PDB file of N, CA and C in Angstrom:
ATOM      1  N   ALA A   1     -41.448  41.770  29.427  1.00  0.00           N
ATOM      2  CA  ALA A   1     -39.547  41.976  29.504  1.00  0.00           C
ATOM      3  C   ALA A   1     -39.496  43.265  28.861  1.00  0.00           C
ATOM      4  N   ALA A   2     -37.954  43.305  29.345  1.00  0.00           N
ATOM      5  CA  ALA A   2     -37.615  44.686  29.358  1.00  0.00           C
ATOM      6  C   ALA A   2     -37.215  45.499  28.162  1.00  0.00           C
ATOM      7  N   PHE A   3     -37.382  44.483  26.793  1.00  0.00           N
ATOM      8  CA  PHE A   3     -37.161  45.069  25.880  1.00  0.00           C
ATOM      9  C   PHE A   3     -37.845  43.946  25.206  1.00  0.00           C
ATOM     10  N   PRO A   4     -39.322  44.704  24.855  1.00  0.00           N
ATOM     11  CA  PRO A   4     -39.891  43.668  23.915  1.00  0.00           C
ATOM     12  C   PRO A   4     -39.861  43.732  22.483  1.00  0.00           C
ATOM     13  N   GLY A   5     -40.353  42.547  22.089  1.00  0.00           N
ATOM     14  CA  GLY A   5     -39.849  42.569  20.771  1.00  0.00           C
ATOM     15  C   GLY A   5     -39.200  40.966  20.503  1.00  0.00           C
ATOM     16  N   LEU A   6     -37.968  41.218  20.905  1.00  0.00           N
ATOM     17  CA  LEU A   6     -36.911  40.564  21.081  1.00  0.00           C
ATOM     18  C   LEU A   6     -37.373  39.048  20.935  1.00  0.00           C
ATOM     19  N   GLU A   7     -38.397  38.522  21.945  1.00  0.00           N
ATOM     20  CA  GLU A   7     -38.476  37.129  21.658  1.00  0.00           C
ATOM     21  C   GLU A   7     -39.257  36.765  20.594  1.00  0.00           C
ATOM     22  N   VAL A   8     -39.992  37.640  19.897  1.00  0.00           N
ATOM     23  CA  VAL A   8     -40.513  37.733  18.739  1.00  0.00           C
ATOM     24  C   VAL A   8     -39.411  36.753  17.019  1.00  0.00           C
ATOM     25  N   PHE A   9     -38.152  36.775  17.597  1.00  0.00           N
ATOM     26  CA  PHE A   9     -37.360  36.152  16.295  1.00  0.00           C
ATOM     27  C   PHE A   9     -36.580  35.012  16.936  1.00  0.00           C
ATOM     28  N   PRO A  10     -37.410  33.667  17.115  1.00  0.00           N
ATOM     29  CA  PRO A  10     -36.786  32.541  17.413  1.00  0.00           C
ATOM     30  C   PRO A  10     -35.730  32.349  16.590  1.00  0.00           C
ATOM     31  N   GLY A  11     -34.616  31.612  16.957  1.00  0.00           N
ATOM     32  CA  GLY A  11     -33.526  31.464  16.273  1.00  0.00           C
ATOM     33  C   GLY A  11     -32.695  32.775  15.781  1.00  0.00           C
ATOM     34  N   LEU A  12     -32.860  33.914  16.408  1.00  0.00           N
ATOM     35  CA  LEU A  12     -32.206  35.079  16.301  1.00  0.00           C
ATOM     36  C   LEU A  12     -30.430  34.752  16.913  1.00  0.00           C
ATOM     37  N   ALA A  13     -29.564  34.951  15.791  1.00  0.00           N
ATOM     38  CA  ALA A  13     -28.418  34.660  16.163  1.00  0.00           C
ATOM     39  C   ALA A  13     -27.242  36.036  16.605  1.00  0.00           C
ATOM     40  N   ALA A  14     -27.437  36.965  16.255  1.00  0.00           N
ATOM     41  CA  ALA A  14     -27.181  38.110  16.609  1.00  0.00           C
ATOM     42  C   ALA A  14     -27.942  39.110  16.467  1.00  0.00           C
ATOM     43  N   ILE A  15     -27.540  40.677  17.128  1.00  0.00           N
ATOM     44  CA  ILE A  15     -28.406  41.789  17.222  1.00  0.00           C
ATOM     45  C   ILE A  15     -27.031  42.692  17.130  1.00  0.00           C
ATOM     46  N   VAL A  16     -27.718  43.659  16.716  1.00  0.00           N
ATOM     47  CA  VAL A  16     -26.349  45.139  16.107  1.00  0.00           C
ATOM     48  C   VAL A  16     -26.945  46.006  17.436  1.00  0.00           C
ATOM     49  N   ILE A  17     -26.370  46.359  18.680  1.00  0.00           N
ATOM     50  CA  ILE A  17     -26.437  47.552  18.998  1.00  0.00           C
ATOM     51  C   ILE A  17     -25.843  48.774  19.096  1.00  0.00           C
ATOM     52  N   LYS A  18     -26.436  49.819  18.727  1.00  0.00           N
ATOM     53  CA  LYS A  18     -25.625  51.131  18.613  1.00  0.00           C
ATOM     54  C   LYS A  18     -25.804  52.058  19.625  1.00  0.00           C
ATOM     55  N   PRO A  19     -24.725  52.353  20.840  1.00  0.00           N
ATOM     56  CA  PRO A  19     -24.765  52.811  22.107  1.00  0.00           C
ATOM     57  C   PRO A  19     -25.703  54.381  21.667  1.00  0.00           C
ATOM     58  N   SER A  20     -25.301  54.799  20.956  1.00  0.00           N
ATOM     59  CA  SER A  20     -26.058  56.271  20.667  1.00  0.00           C
ATOM     60  C   SER A  20     -27.253  56.266  20.328  1.00  0.00           C
ATOM     61  N   ARG A  21     -28.029  54.964  19.672  1.00  0.00           N
ATOM     62  CA  ARG A  21     -29.345  55.025  19.561  1.00  0.00           C
ATOM     63  C   ARG A  21     -30.185  53.945  20.410  1.00  0.00           C
ATOM     64  N   VAL A  22     -29.457  53.705  21.148  1.00  0.00           N
ATOM     65  CA  VAL A  22     -30.644  52.863  22.754  1.00  0.00           C
ATOM     66  C   VAL A  22     -30.351  53.497  23.447  1.00  0.00           C
ATOM     67  N   GLY A  23     -29.705  54.676  23.790  1.00  0.00           N
ATOM     68  CA  GLY A  23     -29.712  55.645  24.841  1.00  0.00           C
ATOM     69  C   GLY A  23     -28.413  55.574  25.260  1.00  0.00           C
ATOM     70  N   GLY A  24     -27.494  55.141  25.429  1.00  0.00           N
ATOM     71  CA  GLY A  24     -26.189  55.208  25.983  1.00  0.00           C
ATOM     72  C   GLY A  24     -25.861  53.783  26.535  1.00  0.00           C
ATOM     73  N   PHE A  25     -24.604  54.295  27.730  1.00  0.00           N
ATOM     74  CA  PHE A  25     -24.194  53.347  28.251  1.00  0.00           C
ATOM     75  C   PHE A  25     -25.039  51.881  29.021  1.00  0.00           C
ATOM     76  N   LEU A  26     -26.002  52.799  29.768  1.00  0.00           N
ATOM     77  CA  LEU A  26     -26.772  51.818  30.728  1.00  0.00           C
ATOM     78  C   LEU A  26     -27.580  51.052  29.806  1.00  0.00           C
ATOM     79  N   LYS A  27     -28.118  51.735  28.739  1.00  0.00           N
ATOM     80  CA  LYS A  27     -29.087  50.898  27.985  1.00  0.00           C
ATOM     81  C   LYS A  27     -28.207  49.856  27.104  1.00  0.00           C
ATOM     82  N   THR A  28     -26.927  50.130  26.610  1.00  0.00           N
ATOM     83  CA  THR A  28     -26.107  49.219  25.974  1.00  0.00           C
ATOM     84  C   THR A  28     -26.275  48.043  27.054  1.00  0.00           C
ATOM     85  N   ARG A  29     -25.568  48.397  28.036  1.00  0.00           N
ATOM     86  CA  ARG A  29     -25.164  47.076  29.285  1.00  0.00           C
ATOM     87  C   ARG A  29     -26.056  46.250  29.177  1.00  0.00           C
ATOM     88  N   GLN A  30     -27.612  46.920  29.212  1.00  0.00           N
ATOM     89  CA  GLN A  30     -28.846  45.930  29.322  1.00  0.00           C
ATOM     90  C   GLN A  30     -29.204  45.180  28.192  1.00  0.00           C
ATOM     91  N   TRP A  31     -28.981  45.566  26.879  1.00  0.00           N
ATOM     92  CA  TRP A  31     -29.116  44.968  25.603  1.00  0.00           C
ATOM     93  C   TRP A  31     -28.271  43.755  25.479  1.00  0.00           C
ATOM     94  N   VAL A  32     -26.716  44.074  26.141  1.00  0.00           N
ATOM     95  CA  VAL A  32     -25.822  43.188  25.854  1.00  0.00           C
ATOM     96  C   VAL A  32     -26.100  42.170  27.042  1.00  0.00           C
ATOM     97  N   ASN A  33     -26.489  42.519  28.146  1.00  0.00           N
ATOM     98  CA  ASN A  33     -26.828  41.153  28.884  1.00  0.00           C
ATOM     99  C   ASN A  33     -28.179  40.510  28.517  1.00  0.00           C
ATOM    100  N   LEU A  34     -29.179  41.444  28.323  1.00  0.00           N
ATOM    101  CA  LEU A  34     -30.303  40.424  27.734  1.00  0.00           C
ATOM    102  C   LEU A  34     -29.435  39.500  26.284  1.00  0.00           C
ATOM    103  N   ALA A  35     -29.112  39.909  25.347  1.00  0.00           N
ATOM    104  CA  ALA A  35     -28.497  39.202  24.172  1.00  0.00           C
ATOM    105  C   ALA A  35     -27.899  37.978  24.722  1.00  0.00           C
ATOM    106  N   LEU A  36     -26.653  38.252  25.591  1.00  0.00           N
ATOM    107  CA  LEU A  36     -26.268  37.209  26.255  1.00  0.00           C
ATOM    108  C   LEU A  36     -26.869  36.230  26.883  1.00  0.00           C
ATOM    109  N   ALA A  37     -27.694  36.617  27.908  1.00  0.00           N
ATOM    110  CA  ALA A  37     -28.668  35.578  28.455  1.00  0.00           C
ATOM    111  C   ALA A  37     -29.736  34.735  27.777  1.00  0.00           C
ATOM    112  N   ARG A  38     -29.925  35.244  26.304  1.00  0.00           N
ATOM    113  CA  ARG A  38     -30.640  34.365  25.239  1.00  0.00           C
ATOM    114  C   ARG A  38     -30.225  33.792  24.536  1.00  0.00           C
ATOM    115  N   GLY A  39     -28.928  33.808  24.524  1.00  0.00           N
ATOM    116  CA  GLY A  39     -27.730  33.020  23.390  1.00  0.00           C
ATOM    117  C   GLY A  39     -27.874  33.855  22.397  1.00  0.00           C
ATOM    118  N   VAL A  40     -28.232  35.115  22.434  1.00  0.00           N
ATOM    119  CA  VAL A  40     -27.846  36.158  21.178  1.00  0.00           C
ATOM    120  C   VAL A  40     -26.504  36.980  21.204  1.00  0.00           C
ATOM    121  N   LYS A  41     -25.730  36.899  19.834  1.00  0.00           N
ATOM    122  CA  LYS A  41     -24.518  37.531  19.886  1.00  0.00           C
ATOM    123  C   LYS A  41     -24.651  38.795  20.256  1.00  0.00           C
ATOM    124  N   PRO A  42     -24.235  39.455  20.733  1.00  0.00           N
ATOM    125  CA  PRO A  42     -24.452  41.102  20.908  1.00  0.00           C
ATOM    126  C   PRO A  42     -23.421  41.954  20.260  1.00  0.00           C
ATOM    127  N   VAL A  43     -23.334  42.389  19.003  1.00  0.00           N
ATOM    128  CA  VAL A  43     -22.370  43.090  17.952  1.00  0.00           C
ATOM    129  C   VAL A  43     -22.581  44.848  18.581  1.00  0.00           C
ATOM    130  N   ILE A  44     -21.758  45.222  19.323  1.00  0.00           N
ATOM    131  CA  ILE A  44     -21.611  46.694  19.172  1.00  0.00           C
ATOM    132  C   ILE A  44     -21.277  47.348  17.566  1.00  0.00           C
ATOM    133  N   SER A  45     -21.793  48.605  17.589  1.00  0.00           N
ATOM    134  CA  SER A  45     -21.823  48.919  16.199  1.00  0.00           C
ATOM    135  C   SER A  45     -21.933  50.382  16.696  1.00  0.00           C
ATOM    136  N   CYS A  46     -21.143  51.458  15.447  1.00  0.00           N
ATOM    137  CA  CYS A  46     -21.816  53.020  15.585  1.00  0.00           C
ATOM    138  C   CYS A  46     -21.551  53.418  14.405  1.00  0.00           C
ATOM    139  N   ALA A  47     -22.246  54.800  14.305  1.00  0.00           N
ATOM    140  CA  ALA A  47     -22.301  55.246  13.104  1.00  0.00           C
ATOM    141  C   ALA A  47     -20.659  55.973  12.845  1.00  0.00           C
ATOM    142  N   PHE A  48     -20.587  56.976  12.163  1.00  0.00           N
ATOM    143  CA  PHE A  48     -19.631  57.583  11.901  1.00  0.00           C
ATOM    144  C   PHE A  48     -19.348  58.887  12.993  1.00  0.00           C
ATOM    145  N   LEU A  49     -18.302  58.399  13.706  1.00  0.00           N
ATOM    146  CA  LEU A  49     -17.625  58.853  14.819  1.00  0.00           C
ATOM    147  C   LEU A  49     -16.172  59.314  14.666  1.00  0.00           C
ATOM    148  N   SER A  50     -15.889  60.521  15.765  1.00  0.00           N
ATOM    149  CA  SER A  50     -14.769  60.822  15.750  1.00  0.00           C
ATOM    150  C   SER A  50     -13.600  59.915  16.106  1.00  0.00           C
ATOM    151  N   GLY A  51     -12.796  59.680  16.518  1.00  0.00           N
ATOM    152  CA  GLY A  51     -11.577  58.851  17.401  1.00  0.00           C
ATOM    153  C   GLY A  51     -11.973  59.209  18.440  1.00  0.00           C
ATOM    154  N   VAL A  52     -12.262  60.358  19.521  1.00  0.00           N
ATOM    155  CA  VAL A  52     -12.884  60.409  20.698  1.00  0.00           C
ATOM    156  C   VAL A  52     -13.913  59.391  21.057  1.00  0.00           C
ATOM    157  N   GLY A  53     -15.168  59.656  20.123  1.00  0.00           N
ATOM    158  CA  GLY A  53     -16.185  58.678  20.381  1.00  0.00           C
ATOM    159  C   GLY A  53     -16.146  57.259  20.131  1.00  0.00           C
ATOM    160  N   PHE A  54     -15.403  57.096  19.179  1.00  0.00           N
ATOM    161  CA  PHE A  54     -14.804  55.654  18.626  1.00  0.00           C
ATOM    162  C   PHE A  54     -14.698  55.055  19.732  1.00  0.00           C
ATOM    163  N   ARG A  55     -13.329  56.017  20.144  1.00  0.00           N
ATOM    164  CA  ARG A  55     -12.837  55.056  21.702  1.00  0.00           C
ATOM    165  C   ARG A  55     -13.043  54.856  22.972  1.00  0.00           C
ATOM    166  N   MET A  56     -14.946  55.594  23.078  1.00  0.00           N
ATOM    167  CA  MET A  56     -15.738  55.476  23.722  1.00  0.00           C
ATOM    168  C   MET A  56     -16.339  53.940  23.596  1.00  0.00           C
ATOM    169  N   VAL A  57     -16.813  53.872  22.221  1.00  0.00           N
ATOM    170  CA  VAL A  57     -17.789  52.901  21.761  1.00  0.00           C
ATOM    171  C   VAL A  57     -16.709  51.470  22.084  1.00  0.00           C
ATOM    172  N   ALA A  58     -15.714  51.729  21.406  1.00  0.00           N
ATOM    173  CA  ALA A  58     -14.562  50.834  21.367  1.00  0.00           C
ATOM    174  C   ALA A  58     -14.290  50.150  22.735  1.00  0.00           C
ATOM    175  N   SER A  59     -14.327  51.295  23.481  1.00  0.00           N
ATOM    176  CA  SER A  59     -13.701  50.940  25.239  1.00  0.00           C
ATOM    177  C   SER A  59     -15.207  49.744  25.666  1.00  0.00           C
ATOM    178  N   LEU A  60     -16.151  50.656  25.620  1.00  0.00           N
ATOM    179  CA  LEU A  60     -17.847  50.195  25.771  1.00  0.00           C
ATOM    180  C   LEU A  60     -17.324  48.655  25.536  1.00  0.00           C
ATOM    181  N   ALA A  61     -17.396  48.262  24.185  1.00  0.00           N
ATOM    182  CA  ALA A  61     -17.397  46.789  23.728  1.00  0.00           C
ATOM    183  C   ALA A  61     -16.282  46.058  24.609  1.00  0.00           C
ATOM    184  N   ALA A  62     -15.425  46.684  24.888  1.00  0.00           N
ATOM    185  CA  ALA A  62     -14.042  45.577  25.191  1.00  0.00           C
ATOM    186  C   ALA A  62     -14.633  45.565  26.486  1.00  0.00           C
ATOM    187  N   ALA A  63     -15.332  46.323  27.351  1.00  0.00           N
ATOM    188  CA  ALA A  63     -15.712  45.843  28.860  1.00  0.00           C
ATOM    189  C   ALA A  63     -16.783  44.970  28.878  1.00  0.00           C
ATOM    190  N   LEU A  64     -17.478  44.820  27.985  1.00  0.00           N
ATOM    191  CA  LEU A  64     -19.203  44.268  27.587  1.00  0.00           C
ATOM    192  C   LEU A  64     -19.179  42.972  27.003  1.00  0.00           C
ATOM    193  N   ILE A  65     -18.342  43.033  25.816  1.00  0.00           N
ATOM    194  CA  ILE A  65     -18.418  41.744  24.935  1.00  0.00           C
ATOM    195  C   ILE A  65     -17.420  40.637  24.731  1.00  0.00           C
ATOM    196  N   PRO A  66     -17.688  39.810  24.688  1.00  0.00           N
ATOM    197  CA  PRO A  66     -16.567  38.779  24.990  1.00  0.00           C
ATOM    198  C   PRO A  66     -15.366  38.703  23.476  1.00  0.00           C
ATOM    199  N   PRO A  67     -14.315  38.939  23.805  1.00  0.00           N
ATOM    200  CA  PRO A  67     -13.482  39.237  22.561  1.00  0.00           C
ATOM    201  C   PRO A  67     -13.538  37.873  21.318  1.00  0.00           C
ATOM    202  N   SER A  68     -14.823  36.948  21.221  1.00  0.00           N
ATOM    203  CA  SER A  68     -14.797  36.015  20.394  1.00  0.00           C
ATOM    204  C   SER A  68     -15.995  36.740  19.083  1.00  0.00           C
ATOM    205  N   ILE A  69     -16.585  37.733  19.827  1.00  0.00           N
ATOM    206  CA  ILE A  69     -17.915  38.233  19.324  1.00  0.00           C
ATOM    207  C   ILE A  69     -16.828  40.077  18.335  1.00  0.00           C
ATOM    208  N   PRO A  70     -17.399  40.067  17.027  1.00  0.00           N
ATOM    209  CA  PRO A  70     -16.538  41.062  16.463  1.00  0.00           C
ATOM    210  C   PRO A  70     -17.672  42.163  16.582  1.00  0.00           C
ATOM    211  N   CYS A  71     -17.293  43.375  16.384  1.00  0.00           N
ATOM    212  CA  CYS A  71     -17.583  44.696  16.657  1.00  0.00           C
ATOM    213  C   CYS A  71     -18.050  45.351  15.141  1.00  0.00           C
ATOM    214  N   GLY A  72     -18.909  46.194  15.030  1.00  0.00           N
ATOM    215  CA  GLY A  72     -18.756  46.817  13.683  1.00  0.00           C
ATOM    216  C   GLY A  72     -18.326  48.563  13.922  1.00  0.00           C
ATOM    217  N   LEU A  73     -17.019  48.554  13.988  1.00  0.00           N
ATOM    218  CA  LEU A  73     -16.563  49.415  14.637  1.00  0.00           C
ATOM    219  C   LEU A  73     -15.396  50.152  13.423  1.00  0.00           C
ATOM    220  N   GLY A  74     -15.723  49.936  12.278  1.00  0.00           N
ATOM    221  CA  GLY A  74     -14.689  50.032  11.073  1.00  0.00           C
ATOM    222  C   GLY A  74     -14.997  51.506  10.373  1.00  0.00           C
ATOM    223  N   THR A  75     -16.247  52.238  10.924  1.00  0.00           N
ATOM    224  CA  THR A  75     -16.185  53.244  10.050  1.00  0.00           C
ATOM    225  C   THR A  75     -15.291  54.772   9.924  1.00  0.00           C
ATOM    226  N   PHE A  76     -14.454  54.725  11.109  1.00  0.00           N
ATOM    227  CA  PHE A  76     -13.777  55.902  11.159  1.00  0.00           C
ATOM    228  C   PHE A  76     -12.966  55.363  10.258  1.00  0.00           C
ATOM    229  N   THR A  77     -12.379  54.687   9.620  1.00  0.00           N
ATOM    230  CA  THR A  77     -11.822  54.467   8.744  1.00  0.00           C
ATOM    231  C   THR A  77     -11.540  55.457   7.272  1.00  0.00           C
ATOM    232  N   PHE A  78     -13.094  55.844   7.356  1.00  0.00           N
ATOM    233  CA  PHE A  78     -13.483  56.742   6.338  1.00  0.00           C
ATOM    234  C   PHE A  78     -12.861  58.260   6.190  1.00  0.00           C
ATOM    235  N   PHE A  79     -12.550  58.577   7.371  1.00  0.00           N
ATOM    236  CA  PHE A  79     -12.148  60.028   7.726  1.00  0.00           C
ATOM    237  C   PHE A  79     -10.586  59.910   7.378  1.00  0.00           C
ATOM    238  N   LYS A  80     -10.379  61.314   6.417  1.00  0.00           N
ATOM    239  CA  LYS A  80      -9.194  61.596   6.096  1.00  0.00           C
ATOM    240  C   LYS A  80      -8.021  61.773   7.464  1.00  0.00           C
ATOM    241  N   GLU A  81      -8.796  62.641   8.362  1.00  0.00           N
ATOM    242  CA  GLU A  81      -8.095  63.293   9.441  1.00  0.00           C
ATOM    243  C   GLU A  81      -9.023  62.869  10.824  1.00  0.00           C
ATOM    244  N   ASP A  82      -8.171  63.200  11.801  1.00  0.00           N
ATOM    245  CA  ASP A  82      -9.258  63.146  13.049  1.00  0.00           C
ATOM    246  C   ASP A  82      -8.942  64.037  14.079  1.00  0.00           C
ATOM    247  N   LEU A  83      -9.566  64.197  15.138  1.00  0.00           N
ATOM    248  CA  LEU A  83      -9.261  64.942  16.082  1.00  0.00           C
ATOM    249  C   LEU A  83      -8.161  64.788  17.110  1.00  0.00           C
ATOM    250  N   LEU A  84      -7.600  63.362  17.055  1.00  0.00           N
ATOM    251  CA  LEU A  84      -6.762  63.093  17.980  1.00  0.00           C
ATOM    252  C   LEU A  84      -5.300  63.184  17.208  1.00  0.00           C
ATOM    253  N   THR A  85      -4.477  63.297  18.423  1.00  0.00           N
ATOM    254  CA  THR A  85      -3.156  63.738  17.724  1.00  0.00           C
ATOM    255  C   THR A  85      -2.492  62.430  17.565  1.00  0.00           C
ATOM    256  N   ARG A  86      -2.724  61.485  18.244  1.00  0.00           N
ATOM    257  CA  ARG A  86      -2.560  60.040  17.837  1.00  0.00           C
ATOM    258  C   ARG A  86      -3.604  59.192  17.277  1.00  0.00           C
ATOM    259  N   PRO A  87      -3.990  59.404  15.665  1.00  0.00           N
ATOM    260  CA  PRO A  87      -4.943  58.621  15.538  1.00  0.00           C
ATOM    261  C   PRO A  87      -5.025  56.957  15.758  1.00  0.00           C
ATOM    262  N   ILE A  88      -6.395  56.487  15.682  1.00  0.00           N
ATOM    263  CA  ILE A  88      -6.297  55.096  15.716  1.00  0.00           C
ATOM    264  C   ILE A  88      -6.475  54.543  14.719  1.00  0.00           C
ATOM    265  N   THR A  89      -5.516  52.759  14.629  1.00  0.00           N
ATOM    266  CA  THR A  89      -5.191  52.508  13.544  1.00  0.00           C
ATOM    267  C   THR A  89      -5.778  51.148  13.797  1.00  0.00           C
ATOM    268  N   LEU A  90      -5.919  50.410  12.796  1.00  0.00           N
ATOM    269  CA  LEU A  90      -6.146  49.126  12.801  1.00  0.00           C
ATOM    270  C   LEU A  90      -5.685  47.952  12.433  1.00  0.00           C
ATOM    271  N   HIS A  91      -5.114  46.694  12.394  1.00  0.00           N
ATOM    272  CA  HIS A  91      -3.946  45.783  12.168  1.00  0.00           C
ATOM    273  C   HIS A  91      -5.169  44.483  11.644  1.00  0.00           C
ATOM    274  N   GLN A  92      -4.921  44.349  10.467  1.00  0.00           N
ATOM    275  CA  GLN A  92      -5.937  42.951  10.197  1.00  0.00           C
ATOM    276  C   GLN A  92      -7.310  43.238  10.627  1.00  0.00           C
ATOM    277  N   GLY A  93      -7.929  44.253  10.582  1.00  0.00           N
ATOM    278  CA  GLY A  93      -9.402  44.584  11.297  1.00  0.00           C
ATOM    279  C   GLY A  93      -9.456  44.361  13.046  1.00  0.00           C
ATOM    280  N   ASN A  94      -8.041  44.411  13.345  1.00  0.00           N
ATOM    281  CA  ASN A  94      -8.186  44.595  14.827  1.00  0.00           C
ATOM    282  C   ASN A  94      -7.991  46.137  15.362  1.00  0.00           C
ATOM    283  N   LEU A  95      -8.238  45.945  16.634  1.00  0.00           N
ATOM    284  CA  LEU A  95      -8.028  47.504  17.326  1.00  0.00           C
ATOM    285  C   LEU A  95      -6.997  47.007  18.498  1.00  0.00           C
ATOM    286  N   SER A  96      -5.888  47.268  18.711  1.00  0.00           N
ATOM    287  CA  SER A  96      -5.304  47.065  19.877  1.00  0.00           C
ATOM    288  C   SER A  96      -5.706  47.706  21.140  1.00  0.00           C
ATOM    289  N   PRO A  97      -5.616  46.628  21.876  1.00  0.00           N
ATOM    290  CA  PRO A  97      -6.256  47.316  23.472  1.00  0.00           C
ATOM    291  C   PRO A  97      -5.016  48.432  23.900  1.00  0.00           C
ATOM    292  N   GLU A  98      -4.251  48.408  23.568  1.00  0.00           N
ATOM    293  CA  GLU A  98      -3.227  49.509  24.066  1.00  0.00           C
ATOM    294  C   GLU A  98      -3.411  50.516  23.521  1.00  0.00           C
ATOM    295  N   GLN A  99      -4.140  50.537  22.407  1.00  0.00           N
ATOM    296  CA  GLN A  99      -4.603  52.287  21.889  1.00  0.00           C
ATOM    297  C   GLN A  99      -5.523  52.723  23.109  1.00  0.00           C
ATOM    298  N   LEU A 100      -6.714  51.813  23.507  1.00  0.00           N
ATOM    299  CA  LEU A 100      -7.370  52.154  24.509  1.00  0.00           C
ATOM    300  C   LEU A 100      -6.696  52.644  25.801  1.00  0.00           C
ATOM    301  N   TRP A 101      -5.835  51.847  26.086  1.00  0.00           N
ATOM    302  CA  TRP A 101      -5.394  51.998  27.412  1.00  0.00           C
ATOM    303  C   TRP A 101      -4.342  53.387  27.375  1.00  0.00           C
ATOM    304  N   GLU A 102      -4.000  53.322  26.195  1.00  0.00           N
ATOM    305  CA  GLU A 102      -2.970  54.790  26.097  1.00  0.00           C
ATOM    306  C   GLU A 102      -3.952  55.909  26.579  1.00  0.00           C
ATOM    307  N   ALA A 103      -5.038  55.782  25.983  1.00  0.00           N
ATOM    308  CA  ALA A 103      -6.049  57.153  25.749  1.00  0.00           C
ATOM    309  C   ALA A 103      -6.411  57.139  27.418  1.00  0.00           C
ATOM    310  N   GLU A 104      -6.165  56.387  28.196  1.00  0.00           N
ATOM    311  CA  GLU A 104      -6.815  56.379  29.135  1.00  0.00           C
ATOM    312  C   GLU A 104      -8.393  56.079  29.912  1.00  0.00           C
ATOM    313  N   ILE A 105      -8.819  55.794  28.544  1.00  0.00           N
ATOM    314  CA  ILE A 105     -10.254  55.478  28.513  1.00  0.00           C
ATOM    315  C   ILE A 105     -10.690  54.407  28.836  1.00  0.00           C
ATOM    316  N   LEU A 106     -10.090  53.113  28.284  1.00  0.00           N
ATOM    317  CA  LEU A 106     -10.365  51.775  28.739  1.00  0.00           C
ATOM    318  C   LEU A 106     -10.513  51.402  30.213  1.00  0.00           C
ATOM    319  N   PRO A 107      -9.411  52.023  30.837  1.00  0.00           N
ATOM    320  CA  PRO A 107      -9.476  51.869  32.577  1.00  0.00           C
ATOM    321  C   PRO A 107     -10.994  52.448  33.156  1.00  0.00           C
ATOM    322  N   ARG A 108     -11.076  53.298  32.859  1.00  0.00           N
ATOM    323  CA  ARG A 108     -12.292  54.329  33.193  1.00  0.00           C
ATOM    324  C   ARG A 108     -13.562  53.468  33.026  1.00  0.00           C
ATOM    325  N   VAL A 109     -13.935  52.846  31.631  1.00  0.00           N
ATOM    326  CA  VAL A 109     -14.969  52.407  31.560  1.00  0.00           C
ATOM    327  C   VAL A 109     -14.788  50.977  32.260  1.00  0.00           C
ATOM    328  N   TRP A 110     -13.920  50.172  32.438  1.00  0.00           N
ATOM    329  CA  TRP A 110     -13.803  49.017  33.074  1.00  0.00           C
ATOM    330  C   TRP A 110     -14.026  48.886  34.419  1.00  0.00           C
ATOM    331  N   GLN A 111     -13.306  50.459  35.179  1.00  0.00           N
ATOM    332  CA  GLN A 111     -13.900  50.553  36.492  1.00  0.00           C
ATOM    333  C   GLN A 111     -15.290  50.991  36.844  1.00  0.00           C
ATOM    334  N   GLN A 112     -15.802  51.706  35.743  1.00  0.00           N
ATOM    335  CA  GLN A 112     -17.495  51.906  35.912  1.00  0.00           C
ATOM    336  C   GLN A 112     -18.234  50.861  35.763  1.00  0.00           C
ATOM    337  N   ALA A 113     -17.683  49.926  34.657  1.00  0.00           N
ATOM    338  CA  ALA A 113     -18.451  48.564  34.667  1.00  0.00           C
ATOM    339  C   ALA A 113     -18.631  48.148  35.759  1.00  0.00           C
ATOM    340  N   GLY A 114     -17.471  47.373  36.223  1.00  0.00           N
ATOM    341  CA  GLY A 114     -17.189  46.834  37.266  1.00  0.00           C
ATOM    342  C   GLY A 114     -18.393  47.211  38.647  1.00  0.00           C
ATOM    343  N   ALA A 115     -18.123  48.415  38.772  1.00  0.00           N
ATOM    344  CA  ALA A 115     -18.994  49.510  39.666  1.00  0.00           C
ATOM    345  C   ALA A 115     -20.333  49.318  39.516  1.00  0.00           C
ATOM    346  N   GLY A 116     -20.958  49.272  38.377  1.00  0.00           N
ATOM    347  CA  GLY A 116     -22.128  49.066  37.674  1.00  0.00           C
ATOM    348  C   GLY A 116     -22.687  50.299  37.641  1.00  0.00           C
ATOM    349  N   ASN A 117     -21.869  51.313  37.269  1.00  0.00           N
ATOM    350  CA  ASN A 117     -22.071  52.342  36.707  1.00  0.00           C
ATOM    351  C   ASN A 117     -22.234  52.853  35.246  1.00  0.00           C
ATOM    352  N   LEU A 118     -22.229  51.814  34.455  1.00  0.00           N
ATOM    353  CA  LEU A 118     -22.099  52.195  32.938  1.00  0.00           C
ATOM    354  C   LEU A 118     -23.529  51.766  32.617  1.00  0.00           C
TER     355      LEU A 118
END
């Protein structure tokens, strides 16, 4: 198996994937695909990131994860200030896709994901 150890957890419902810990976008996509193929929910999560890093991880999650699966991306709310001139806001725990489009990150991530470059 490409990711030994996952099969030793029968009945596993979800796996938390942190792109910065698993090796970036390509490895994240591999983990997501493996989880989905085995009926396991892939949950994209991250540690404390600035708005720039957060938008990248949120865009990656939007490109790879079905909308019905929540992500663990709320850590940025602990920051008093951010690097971005237009900070990210959550509404009832949800991130508006428009915020990612406005940053021109989501279109690039989707384009790369479709081309197999992630």
